[in-house]
C-alpha atoms as a PDB file:
ATOM      1  CA  MET A   1     -10.557  39.190 -73.379  1.00  0.00           C
ATOM      2  CA  VAL A   2     -11.426  36.596 -70.953  1.00  0.00           C
ATOM      3  CA  PRO A   3     -14.512  38.007 -68.820  1.00  0.00           C
ATOM      4  CA  PRO A   4     -13.586  38.536 -64.823  1.00  0.00           C
ATOM      5  CA  SER A   5     -15.380  35.144 -63.859  1.00  0.00           C
ATOM      6  CA  CYS A   6     -13.805  35.967 -60.572  1.00  0.00           C
ATOM      7  CA  ASP A   7     -15.265  38.672 -58.070  1.00  0.00           C
ATOM      8  CA  GLN A   8     -11.610  39.904 -57.253  1.00  0.00           C
ATOM      9  CA  ALA A   9     -10.560  40.582 -60.894  1.00  0.00           C
ATOM     10  CA  LEU A  10     -12.326  44.082 -60.636  1.00  0.00           C
ATOM     11  CA  LEU A  11      -9.893  44.835 -57.851  1.00  0.00           C
ATOM     12  CA  LEU A  12      -7.042  44.444 -60.454  1.00  0.00           C
ATOM     13  CA  GLN A  13      -6.830  47.615 -62.028  1.00  0.00           C
ATOM     14  CA  ALA A  14      -7.211  49.070 -58.923  1.00  0.00           C
ATOM     15  CA  GLU A  15      -4.002  47.114 -57.739  1.00  0.00           C
ATOM     16  CA  PHE A  16      -2.657  47.947 -61.381  1.00  0.00           C
ATOM     17  CA  ASP A  17      -2.561  51.556 -61.078  1.00  0.00           C
ATOM     18  CA  GLY A  18      -0.993  51.511 -57.370  1.00  0.00           C
ATOM     19  CA  GLU A  19      -4.218  52.624 -55.999  1.00  0.00           C
ATOM     20  CA  LEU A  20      -4.688  49.714 -53.030  1.00  0.00           C
ATOM     21  CA  GLY A  21      -3.116  49.762 -49.663  1.00  0.00           C
ATOM     22  CA  THR A  22      -0.113  47.324 -48.860  1.00  0.00           C
ATOM     23  CA  ALA A  23      -1.972  44.431 -47.004  1.00  0.00           C
ATOM     24  CA  GLN A  24      -4.873  44.503 -49.522  1.00  0.00           C
ATOM     25  CA  SER A  25      -2.667  45.044 -52.455  1.00  0.00           C
ATOM     26  CA  VAL A  26      -0.211  41.340 -50.982  1.00  0.00           C
ATOM     27  CA  ALA A  27      -3.416  39.756 -50.611  1.00  0.00           C
ATOM     28  CA  LEU A  28      -5.165  40.567 -53.544  1.00  0.00           C
ATOM     29  CA  ALA A  29      -1.328  39.235 -55.087  1.00  0.00           C
ATOM     30  CA  GLY A  30      -1.756  36.387 -53.334  1.00  0.00           C
ATOM     31  CA  HIS A  31      -4.796  35.296 -54.886  1.00  0.00           C
ATOM     32  CA  ARG A  32      -4.319  36.331 -58.429  1.00  0.00           C
ATOM     33  CA  GLU A  33      -1.344  33.349 -58.483  1.00  0.00           C
ATOM     34  CA  GLY A  34      -3.805  30.581 -58.223  1.00  0.00           C
ATOM     35  CA  CYS A  35      -6.729  32.235 -60.190  1.00  0.00           C
ATOM     36  CA  ALA A  36      -6.755  31.855 -64.054  1.00  0.00           C
ATOM     37  CA  ALA A  37      -8.966  34.938 -64.486  1.00  0.00           C
ATOM     38  CA  CYS A  38      -7.385  37.150 -62.240  1.00  0.00           C
ATOM     39  CA  GLN A  39      -3.998  36.173 -64.116  1.00  0.00           C
ATOM     40  CA  ALA A  40      -5.377  36.946 -67.849  1.00  0.00           C
ATOM     41  CA  ARG A  41      -6.854  39.781 -66.593  1.00  0.00           C
ATOM     42  CA  TRP A  42      -3.698  41.070 -65.426  1.00  0.00           C
ATOM     43  CA  THR A  43      -1.825  39.985 -68.597  1.00  0.00           C
ATOM     44  CA  GLU A  44      -4.211  41.861 -70.543  1.00  0.00           C
ATOM     45  CA  LEU A  45      -3.631  45.122 -68.432  1.00  0.00           C
ATOM     46  CA  VAL A  46      -0.006  44.632 -68.899  1.00  0.00           C
ATOM     47  CA  ALA A  47      -0.144  44.222 -72.638  1.00  0.00           C
ATOM     48  CA  LEU A  48      -2.490  47.591 -72.725  1.00  0.00           C
ATOM     49  CA  ARG A  49       0.592  49.475 -70.840  1.00  0.00           C
ATOM     50  CA  GLY A  50       3.265  48.008 -73.041  1.00  0.00           C
ATOM     51  CA  ALA A  51       0.985  48.858 -76.305  1.00  0.00           C
ATOM     52  CA  LEU A  52       0.501  52.231 -75.370  1.00  0.00           C
ATOM     53  CA  LYS A  53       4.465  52.766 -74.673  1.00  0.00           C
ATOM     54  CA  THR A  54       5.059  52.671 -78.576  1.00  0.00           C
ATOM     55  CA  VAL A  55       2.404  54.976 -79.623  1.00  0.00           C
ATOM     56  CA  PRO A  56       4.511  57.935 -81.138  1.00  0.00           C
ATOM     57  CA  TYR A  57       4.858  61.062 -78.885  1.00  0.00           C
ATOM     58  CA  HIS A  58       4.610  64.286 -80.670  1.00  0.00           C
ATOM     59  CA  ARG A  59       5.277  68.049 -79.018  1.00  0.00           C
ATOM     60  CA  ALA A  60       2.239  70.143 -79.502  1.00  0.00           C
ATOM     61  CA  SER A  61       3.339  73.515 -81.440  1.00  0.00           C
ATOM     62  CA  PRO A  62       2.886  76.755 -79.557  1.00  0.00           C
ATOM     63  CA  ALA A  63       0.287  77.639 -81.601  1.00  0.00           C
ATOM     64  CA  LEU A  64      -1.973  74.415 -81.411  1.00  0.00           C
ATOM     65  CA  ALA A  65      -1.201  74.674 -77.465  1.00  0.00           C
ATOM     66  CA  ARG A  66      -2.594  78.314 -76.747  1.00  0.00           C
ATOM     67  CA  ALA A  67      -5.538  77.575 -79.383  1.00  0.00           C
ATOM     68  CA  LEU A  68      -6.429  74.015 -77.077  1.00  0.00           C
ATOM     69  CA  ALA A  69      -5.954  75.908 -74.247  1.00  0.00           C
ATOM     70  CA  GLU A  70      -8.833  78.611 -75.390  1.00  0.00           C
ATOM     71  CA  ARG A  71     -11.193  75.955 -76.517  1.00  0.00           C
ATOM     72  CA  LEU A  72     -10.940  74.061 -73.093  1.00  0.00           C
ATOM     73  CA  ALA A  73     -10.887  77.483 -71.224  1.00  0.00           C
ATOM     74  CA  PRO A  74     -14.624  77.417 -70.023  1.00  0.00           C
ATOM     75  CA  ALA A  75     -14.165  73.611 -68.531  1.00  0.00           C
ATOM     76  CA  THR A  76     -11.502  74.604 -66.420  1.00  0.00           C
ATOM     77  CA  ALA A  77     -13.329  76.086 -63.988  1.00  0.00           C
ATOM     78  CA  ALA A  78     -15.049  72.430 -62.967  1.00  0.00           C
ATOM     79  CA  PRO A  79     -12.140  70.080 -63.735  1.00  0.00           C
ATOM     80  CA  ARG A  80     -12.926  66.494 -63.936  1.00  0.00           C
ATOM     81  CA  PRO A  81     -10.431  64.184 -62.124  1.00  0.00           C
ATOM     82  CA  ARG A  82      -8.642  61.111 -63.388  1.00  0.00           C
ATOM     83  CA  VAL A  83     -10.418  61.256 -66.612  1.00  0.00           C
ATOM     84  CA  ALA A  84      -7.295  59.512 -68.503  1.00  0.00           C
ATOM     85  CA  ARG A  85      -7.669  56.749 -65.763  1.00  0.00           C
ATOM     86  CA  ARG A  86     -11.207  56.430 -66.514  1.00  0.00           C
ATOM     87  CA  TRP A  87     -10.542  55.847 -70.323  1.00  0.00           C
ATOM     88  CA  TRP A  88      -7.720  53.741 -69.624  1.00  0.00           C
ATOM     89  CA  ARG A  89     -10.274  51.364 -67.405  1.00  0.00           C
ATOM     90  CA  GLU A  90     -12.797  51.234 -70.459  1.00  0.00           C
ATOM     91  CA  ALA A  91     -10.294  50.874 -73.190  1.00  0.00           C
ATOM     92  CA  ALA A  92      -9.115  47.673 -70.659  1.00  0.00           C
ATOM     93  CA  SER A  93     -12.817  46.528 -70.189  1.00  0.00           C
ATOM     94  CA  PHE A  94     -13.023  46.140 -74.482  1.00  0.00           C
ATOM     95  CA  GLY A  95      -9.383  44.591 -75.016  1.00  0.00           C
ATOM     96  CA  LEU A  96      -8.362  47.682 -76.890  1.00  0.00           C
ATOM     97  CA  GLY A  97      -4.904  47.144 -75.541  1.00  0.00           C
ATOM     98  CA  ALA A  98      -4.554  43.403 -75.973  1.00  0.00           C
ATOM     99  CA  ALA A  99      -5.567  43.492 -79.986  1.00  0.00           C
ATOM    100  CA  LEU A 100      -2.923  46.194 -79.920  1.00  0.00           C
ATOM    101  CA  ALA A 101      -0.581  44.307 -78.431  1.00  0.00           C
ATOM    102  CA  ALA A 102      -1.150  41.543 -80.047  1.00  0.00           C
ATOM    103  CA  SER A 103      -0.523  42.679 -83.524  1.00  0.00           C
ATOM    104  CA  LEU A 104       2.736  44.430 -81.989  1.00  0.00           C
ATOM    105  CA  VAL A 105       4.644  41.656 -80.372  1.00  0.00           C
ATOM    106  CA  LEU A 106       4.864  39.993 -83.939  1.00  0.00           C
ATOM    107  CA  THR A 107       6.715  42.715 -85.339  1.00  0.00           C
ATOM    108  CA  MET A 108       8.685  45.113 -82.845  1.00  0.00           C
ATOM    109  CA  ARG A 109      11.393  44.476 -80.594  1.00  0.00           C
ATOM    110  CA  PRO A 110      12.965  46.418 -77.712  1.00  0.00           C
ATOM    111  CA  ALA A 111      15.312  48.895 -79.120  1.00  0.00           C
ATOM    112  CA  ARG A 112      18.208  49.893 -76.780  1.00  0.00           C
ATOM    113  CA  ASP A 113      18.108  53.511 -76.718  1.00  0.00           C
ATOM    114  CA  ASP A 114      17.463  56.470 -74.567  1.00  0.00           C
ATOM    115  CA  GLY A 115      13.612  56.392 -74.140  1.00  0.00           C
ATOM    116  CA  MET A 116      13.655  52.708 -73.739  1.00  0.00           C
ATOM    117  CA  LEU A 117      15.960  52.664 -71.055  1.00  0.00           C
ATOM    118  CA  ALA A 118      13.819  55.330 -69.218  1.00  0.00           C
ATOM    119  CA  ALA A 119      10.892  52.932 -69.885  1.00  0.00           C
ATOM    120  CA  LEU A 120      12.740  50.147 -68.076  1.00  0.00           C
ATOM    121  CA  VAL A 121      13.833  52.376 -65.196  1.00  0.00           C
ATOM    122  CA  ASP A 122       9.988  53.482 -65.317  1.00  0.00           C
ATOM    123  CA  ASP A 123       9.035  49.865 -65.319  1.00  0.00           C
ATOM    124  CA  HIS A 124      11.152  49.056 -62.385  1.00  0.00           C
ATOM    125  CA  VAL A 125       9.517  51.765 -60.189  1.00  0.00           C
ATOM    126  CA  ARG A 126       6.177  50.510 -61.011  1.00  0.00           C
ATOM    127  CA  ALA A 127       7.025  47.038 -60.127  1.00  0.00           C
ATOM    128  CA  LEU A 128       8.641  48.475 -56.324  1.00  0.00           C
ATOM    129  CA  GLN A 129       4.898  49.310 -55.690  1.00  0.00           C
ATOM    130  CA  PRO A 130       3.441  46.792 -53.112  1.00  0.00           C
ATOM    131  CA  GLY A 131       2.058  43.491 -55.199  1.00  0.00           C
ATOM    132  CA  HIS A 132       3.822  44.110 -58.408  1.00  0.00           C
ATOM    133  CA  PHE A 133       7.806  43.491 -58.185  1.00  0.00           C
ATOM    134  CA  ILE A 134       7.607  39.339 -58.218  1.00  0.00           C
ATOM    135  CA  ASP A 135       4.725  36.932 -60.110  1.00  0.00           C
ATOM    136  CA  VAL A 136       7.198  34.198 -59.005  1.00  0.00           C
ATOM    137  CA  ILE A 137       8.638  33.948 -55.945  1.00  0.00           C
ATOM    138  CA  SER A 138      11.463  31.475 -55.393  1.00  0.00           C
ATOM    139  CA  THR A 139      15.214  31.698 -54.716  1.00  0.00           C
ATOM    140  CA  ASP A 140      15.477  28.267 -57.122  1.00  0.00           C
ATOM    141  CA  ARG A 141      16.421  29.063 -60.470  1.00  0.00           C
ATOM    142  CA  HIS A 142      15.170  25.936 -61.150  1.00  0.00           C
ATOM    143  CA  THR A 143      11.680  27.081 -60.273  1.00  0.00           C
ATOM    144  CA  VAL A 144      12.008  30.381 -61.856  1.00  0.00           C
ATOM    145  CA  LYS A 145      13.097  29.865 -65.049  1.00  0.00           C
ATOM    146  CA  PRO A 146      10.396  26.720 -65.763  1.00  0.00           C
ATOM    147  CA  TRP A 147       7.985  29.317 -65.058  1.00  0.00           C
ATOM    148  CA  PHE A 148       8.330  31.232 -68.214  1.00  0.00           C
ATOM    149  CA  ASP A 149       7.650  28.400 -70.183  1.00  0.00           C
ATOM    150  CA  GLY A 150       4.602  28.984 -72.241  1.00  0.00           C
ATOM    151  CA  LYS A 151       4.679  32.674 -71.515  1.00  0.00           C
ATOM    152  CA  LEU A 152       7.698  33.741 -73.320  1.00  0.00           C
ATOM    153  CA  ASP A 153       9.121  32.806 -77.112  1.00  0.00           C
ATOM    154  CA  PHE A 154      11.992  32.468 -75.307  1.00  0.00           C
ATOM    155  CA  ALA A 155      14.012  30.798 -72.636  1.00  0.00           C
ATOM    156  CA  PRO A 156      15.660  33.543 -70.170  1.00  0.00           C
ATOM    157  CA  PRO A 157      18.777  32.424 -68.718  1.00  0.00           C
ATOM    158  CA  VAL A 158      18.380  32.401 -64.580  1.00  0.00           C
ATOM    159  CA  LYS A 159      21.393  32.633 -62.747  1.00  0.00           C
ATOM    160  CA  ASP A 160      21.846  31.713 -58.517  1.00  0.00           C
ATOM    161  CA  LEU A 161      24.058  34.560 -57.208  1.00  0.00           C
ATOM    162  CA  ALA A 162      23.309  33.779 -53.586  1.00  0.00           C
ATOM    163  CA  ALA A 163      27.033  32.937 -52.714  1.00  0.00           C
ATOM    164  CA  ASP A 164      28.254  36.416 -54.331  1.00  0.00           C
ATOM    165  CA  GLY A 165      25.308  38.408 -51.994  1.00  0.00           C
ATOM    166  CA  PHE A 166      23.134  39.064 -54.975  1.00  0.00           C
ATOM    167  CA  PRO A 167      20.477  36.129 -54.210  1.00  0.00           C
ATOM    168  CA  LEU A 168      17.636  35.729 -56.600  1.00  0.00           C
ATOM    169  CA  ARG A 169      14.109  36.706 -55.624  1.00  0.00           C
ATOM    170  CA  GLY A 170      11.985  35.328 -58.553  1.00  0.00           C
ATOM    171  CA  GLY A 171      10.479  36.469 -62.018  1.00  0.00           C
ATOM    172  CA  ARG A 172       7.586  38.170 -63.725  1.00  0.00           C
ATOM    173  CA  LEU A 173       6.437  39.307 -66.954  1.00  0.00           C
ATOM    174  CA  ASP A 174       7.131  42.694 -68.591  1.00  0.00           C
ATOM    175  CA  TYR A 175       6.478  44.479 -72.157  1.00  0.00           C
ATOM    176  CA  LEU A 176       8.657  46.550 -73.811  1.00  0.00           C
ATOM    177  CA  GLY A 177       8.696  47.907 -77.256  1.00  0.00           C
ATOM    178  CA  GLY A 178       5.601  45.847 -77.814  1.00  0.00           C
ATOM    179  CA  ARG A 179       6.849  42.477 -77.093  1.00  0.00           C
ATOM    180  CA  ALA A 180       6.669  40.705 -73.858  1.00  0.00           C
ATOM    181  CA  VAL A 181      10.441  40.162 -71.784  1.00  0.00           C
ATOM    182  CA  ALA A 182      11.594  38.509 -68.732  1.00  0.00           C
ATOM    183  CA  ALA A 183      11.977  40.829 -65.501  1.00  0.00           C
ATOM    184  CA  LEU A 184      14.269  38.523 -63.173  1.00  0.00           C
ATOM    185  CA  ALA A 185      14.482  40.224 -59.459  1.00  0.00           C
ATOM    186  CA  TYR A 186      17.257  39.684 -57.688  1.00  0.00           C
ATOM    187  CA  GLU A 187      18.489  41.683 -54.290  1.00  0.00           C
ATOM    188  CA  HIS A 188      21.532  42.699 -52.657  1.00  0.00           C
ATOM    189  CA  GLY A 189      20.740  44.031 -49.319  1.00  0.00           C
ATOM    190  CA  LYS A 190      17.946  45.992 -49.338  1.00  0.00           C
ATOM    191  CA  HIS A 191      18.218  47.052 -52.615  1.00  0.00           C
ATOM    192  CA  PRO A 192      15.917  45.278 -54.942  1.00  0.00           C
ATOM    193  CA  ILE A 193      17.770  44.452 -58.707  1.00  0.00           C
ATOM    194  CA  ASP A 194      15.486  44.313 -61.929  1.00  0.00           C
ATOM    195  CA  LEU A 195      17.684  42.092 -64.648  1.00  0.00           C
ATOM    196  CA  PHE A 196      15.475  42.650 -67.907  1.00  0.00           C
ATOM    197  CA  VAL A 197      15.969  39.952 -70.817  1.00  0.00           C
ATOM    198  CA  TRP A 198      15.174  39.374 -74.157  1.00  0.00           C
ATOM    199  CA  PRO A 199      16.174  37.904 -77.416  1.00  0.00           C
ATOM    200  CA  GLU A 200      19.186  39.984 -79.229  1.00  0.00           C
ATOM    201  CA  ARG A 201      21.530  39.442 -81.433  1.00  0.00           C
ATOM    202  CA  GLY A 202      25.654  39.966 -81.156  1.00  0.00           C
ATOM    203  CA  ALA A 203      27.619  40.759 -78.514  1.00  0.00           C
ATOM    204  CA  GLN A 204      28.904  43.602 -76.174  1.00  0.00           C
ATOM    205  CA  PRO A 205      30.699  43.553 -73.225  1.00  0.00           C
ATOM    206  CA  THR A 206      29.259  45.270 -70.026  1.00  0.00           C
ATOM    207  CA  PRO A 207      29.565  48.880 -70.414  1.00  0.00           C
ATOM    208  CA  PRO A 208      30.004  51.415 -67.117  1.00  0.00           C
ATOM    209  CA  ALA A 209      26.492  51.779 -65.548  1.00  0.00           C
ATOM    210  CA  THR A 210      24.401  54.894 -66.592  1.00  0.00           C
ATOM    211  CA  GLU A 211      22.108  56.900 -64.605  1.00  0.00           C
ATOM    212  CA  ARG A 212      18.246  57.433 -65.092  1.00  0.00           C
ATOM    213  CA  HIS A 213      16.126  59.462 -62.957  1.00  0.00           C
ATOM    214  CA  GLY A 214      18.221  58.525 -60.180  1.00  0.00           C
ATOM    215  CA  TYR A 215      18.430  54.904 -61.108  1.00  0.00           C
ATOM    216  CA  ASN A 216      21.542  53.261 -62.090  1.00  0.00           C
ATOM    217  CA  VAL A 217      21.747  50.900 -65.191  1.00  0.00           C
ATOM    218  CA  VAL A 218      23.824  48.396 -66.660  1.00  0.00           C
ATOM    219  CA  GLN A 219      23.236  47.048 -70.171  1.00  0.00           C
ATOM    220  CA  TRP A 220      25.162  44.045 -72.327  1.00  0.00           C
ATOM    221  CA  THR A 221      24.415  41.471 -74.356  1.00  0.00           C
ATOM    222  CA  ALA A 222      25.270  37.958 -73.869  1.00  0.00           C
ATOM    223  CA  ASP A 223      24.515  34.225 -75.815  1.00  0.00           C
ATOM    224  CA  GLY A 224      21.957  35.705 -78.403  1.00  0.00           C
ATOM    225  CA  MET A 225      20.422  37.905 -75.273  1.00  0.00           C
ATOM    226  CA  ALA A 226      20.035  41.324 -74.178  1.00  0.00           C
ATOM    227  CA  LEU A 227      20.416  42.237 -70.615  1.00  0.00           C
ATOM    228  CA  THR A 228      19.544  45.422 -68.607  1.00  0.00           C
ATOM    229  CA  ALA A 229      20.141  45.754 -65.024  1.00  0.00           C
ATOM    230  CA  VAL A 230      18.329  48.756 -63.060  1.00  0.00           C
ATOM    231  CA  SER A 231      18.486  49.076 -59.225  1.00  0.00           C
ATOM    232  CA  ASP A 232      19.133  52.234 -56.975  1.00  0.00           C
ATOM    233  CA  LEU A 233      22.380  49.817 -55.625  1.00  0.00           C
ATOM    234  CA  GLU A 234      25.416  52.018 -55.733  1.00  0.00           C
ATOM    235  CA  ARG A 235      27.003  52.277 -59.471  1.00  0.00           C
ATOM    236  CA  ASP A 236      30.335  50.233 -58.662  1.00  0.00           C
ATOM    237  CA  GLU A 237      28.012  47.510 -56.607  1.00  0.00           C
ATOM    238  CA  LEU A 238      25.056  47.551 -59.915  1.00  0.00           C
ATOM    239  CA  GLU A 239      28.645  46.670 -61.957  1.00  0.00           C
ATOM    240  CA  ASP A 240      29.803  44.197 -59.854  1.00  0.00           C
ATOM    241  CA  PHE A 241      26.562  42.575 -60.157  1.00  0.00           C
ATOM    242  CA  ALA A 242      26.953  42.356 -63.623  1.00  0.00           C
ATOM    243  CA  ARG A 243      30.181  41.177 -64.075  1.00  0.00           C
ATOM    244  CA  LEU A 244      29.538  38.225 -61.440  1.00  0.00           C
ATOM    245  CA  TRP A 245      26.003  37.294 -63.676  1.00  0.00           C
ATOM    246  CA  GLN A 246      28.234  37.233 -66.829  1.00  0.00           C
ATOM    247  CA  LYS A 247      30.737  34.649 -64.991  1.00  0.00           C
ATOM    248  CA  ALA A 248      28.387  32.631 -63.353  1.00  0.00           C
ATOM    249  CA  PRO A 249      27.756  29.129 -65.194  1.00  0.00           C
END
C-alpha cells in the first residue's frame, strides 16, 4: 500500500463511506484528481470493496443464529456502533483488500447473473453520492477514452450521444467480480446513466429492460464487450439509450 503522504488522504475513507458533506466531498474529489497519493489510496479502497463482493455468502442456520444470539446477549446492553466500518478501515490500512483484489483480478471476470446485476445497481447508487459519480469529467469522448489507458487491460468503447439527448459526462473505474471495469457516465435530462463495460465473448442483442431495486437495467454484448446500462430512467427511455448507443459510430 502507498503510504498517505498527503494530509487529505485521511479524509478519503470518510468520503468513500459517504460521510462528508456535499461541499467537502466535492472539494476533496477535485483535490484527488491532482494528487497521486490520494488516487492510489482511493484505488485501494475501491479494490477492497470489489474483492469483498466476491466472498461467498452463506446464511446461518436457525440453530446457529440462536446460539450466536445467546453468546452475544451480554454484549447487547452496551452496543458498539460502526464496528464493521472500523474493521473495514483497519483492513484497508494494512492493504488486505489490495492484496486480495490483486490475486483475484487475474482469475475472475464479472458474470451477469442476478447477483451481478444487483451489484451493478448498488455501484450505481453509491456513485450517485456527492463526489463519486465521475473520476474524469469531460463531454469529449477523445478525452474520456484515453483516460482509461493504463488503468484497464482493455480499451472500452466510448461514444458521443449528445445529439440524441444522452450527453457523455465522463467516466470512472469500478470493480465487479474481482476485476476492474469501465463505468461511463451519461445523462438524460436530470437522470444519470451508468454504462458498465468489460470484455466478454459472444454476441447478445439488446433485451428488454429489467428492474432491480427500483432501477432499470439493460444489458447487451457487442464487439467483444459486455455492456450494462443502469439508471432511474423510464424503461423505454433506457432501452432507447441502448439502441442509440449500439448504432452510434
